[in-house]
Protein backbone atom coordinates (compact mmCIF):
# COMPACT_ATOMS: atom_id res chain seq x y z
CA MET A 1 -2.12 10.25 36.67
CA SER A 2 -1.26 12.07 33.51
CA ILE A 3 -2.95 12.14 30.14
CA ASP A 4 0.06 10.33 28.68
CA THR A 5 -0.50 7.41 31.04
CA ILE A 6 -4.16 7.16 30.10
CA ILE A 7 -3.43 7.31 26.37
CA SER A 8 -0.56 4.83 26.69
CA SER A 9 -2.82 2.37 28.47
CA LEU A 10 -5.63 2.62 25.91
CA ILE A 11 -3.58 2.37 22.70
CA PRO A 12 -2.49 -1.29 23.07
CA ALA A 13 -6.09 -2.37 23.70
CA LEU A 14 -7.31 -0.40 20.69
CA SER A 15 -4.56 -1.79 18.47
CA LEU A 16 -5.34 -5.33 19.55
CA THR A 17 -9.06 -4.87 18.96
CA ILE A 18 -8.50 -3.37 15.51
CA MET A 19 -6.09 -6.12 14.44
CA GLN A 20 -8.44 -8.78 15.78
CA SER A 21 -11.26 -7.26 13.74
CA VAL A 22 -9.08 -7.27 10.62
CA LEU A 23 -8.17 -10.91 11.07
CA ASN A 24 -11.76 -11.93 11.79
CA LYS A 25 -13.00 -10.06 8.74
CA ILE A 26 -10.36 -11.70 6.53
CA GLN A 27 -11.17 -15.17 7.87
CA ASN A 28 -14.94 -14.80 7.60
CA ASP A 29 -15.45 -12.91 4.38
CA VAL A 30 -13.26 -10.75 2.20
CA ASP A 31 -16.21 -9.17 0.37
CA ASP A 32 -15.93 -5.89 2.24
CA PHE A 33 -12.38 -4.99 1.20
CA LYS A 34 -12.85 -1.25 1.87
CA TYR A 35 -13.72 -1.96 5.50
CA ILE A 36 -10.54 -4.04 5.92
CA LEU A 37 -8.48 -1.24 4.38
CA MET A 38 -10.13 1.29 6.69
CA LEU A 39 -9.29 -0.87 9.72
CA LEU A 40 -5.70 -1.26 8.56
CA ALA A 41 -5.39 2.48 7.97
CA THR A 42 -6.76 3.12 11.47
CA TYR A 43 -4.25 0.66 12.90
CA ILE A 44 -1.37 2.36 11.08
CA LEU A 45 -2.54 5.83 12.15
CA LEU A 46 -2.79 4.66 15.74
CA ASP A 47 0.77 3.36 15.55
CA LEU A 48 1.98 6.64 14.01
CA PHE A 49 0.20 8.56 16.75
CA THR A 50 2.02 6.48 19.35
CA VAL A 51 5.40 7.15 17.74
CA LEU A 52 4.68 10.89 17.46
CA LYS A 53 3.48 11.07 21.06
CA ASP A 54 6.59 9.31 22.33
CA ASN A 55 8.86 11.55 20.27
CA MET A 56 7.11 14.70 21.47
CA ILE A 57 7.52 13.58 25.08
CA ASP A 58 11.22 12.89 24.45
CA ILE A 59 11.66 16.37 22.93
CA TYR A 60 9.84 17.97 25.87
CA ASN A 61 12.01 16.07 28.35
CA ALA A 62 15.17 17.08 26.50
CA LYS A 63 14.14 20.75 26.56
CA ILE A 64 13.42 20.59 30.28
CA LYS A 65 16.78 18.91 30.85
CA ILE A 66 18.58 21.67 28.90
CA ILE A 67 16.78 24.40 30.84
CA LEU A 68 17.61 22.76 34.17
CA ASN A 69 21.25 22.29 33.18
CA ARG A 70 21.51 25.99 32.26
CA LYS A 71 20.02 27.01 35.60
CA ILE A 72 22.39 24.70 37.47
CA LYS A 73 25.43 26.09 35.60
CA LYS A 74 24.44 29.66 36.57
CA PHE A 75 24.88 28.79 40.23
């Protein structure tokens, strides 16, 4: 089990919890607008983190593929 698998399994639950908190806060009282903005910023940052993580994994896999292709061509 890799770290990527653990992170990928936790992020949807965290995103859902954050969005549920935002919706509950909006429905109950909108007095604490800064808290809602903080939750939304956290949600956006979590989504950006997911995109960056996926892109970094794709880049790593592409580099490994290039290295393996070079080694195969040498033979």
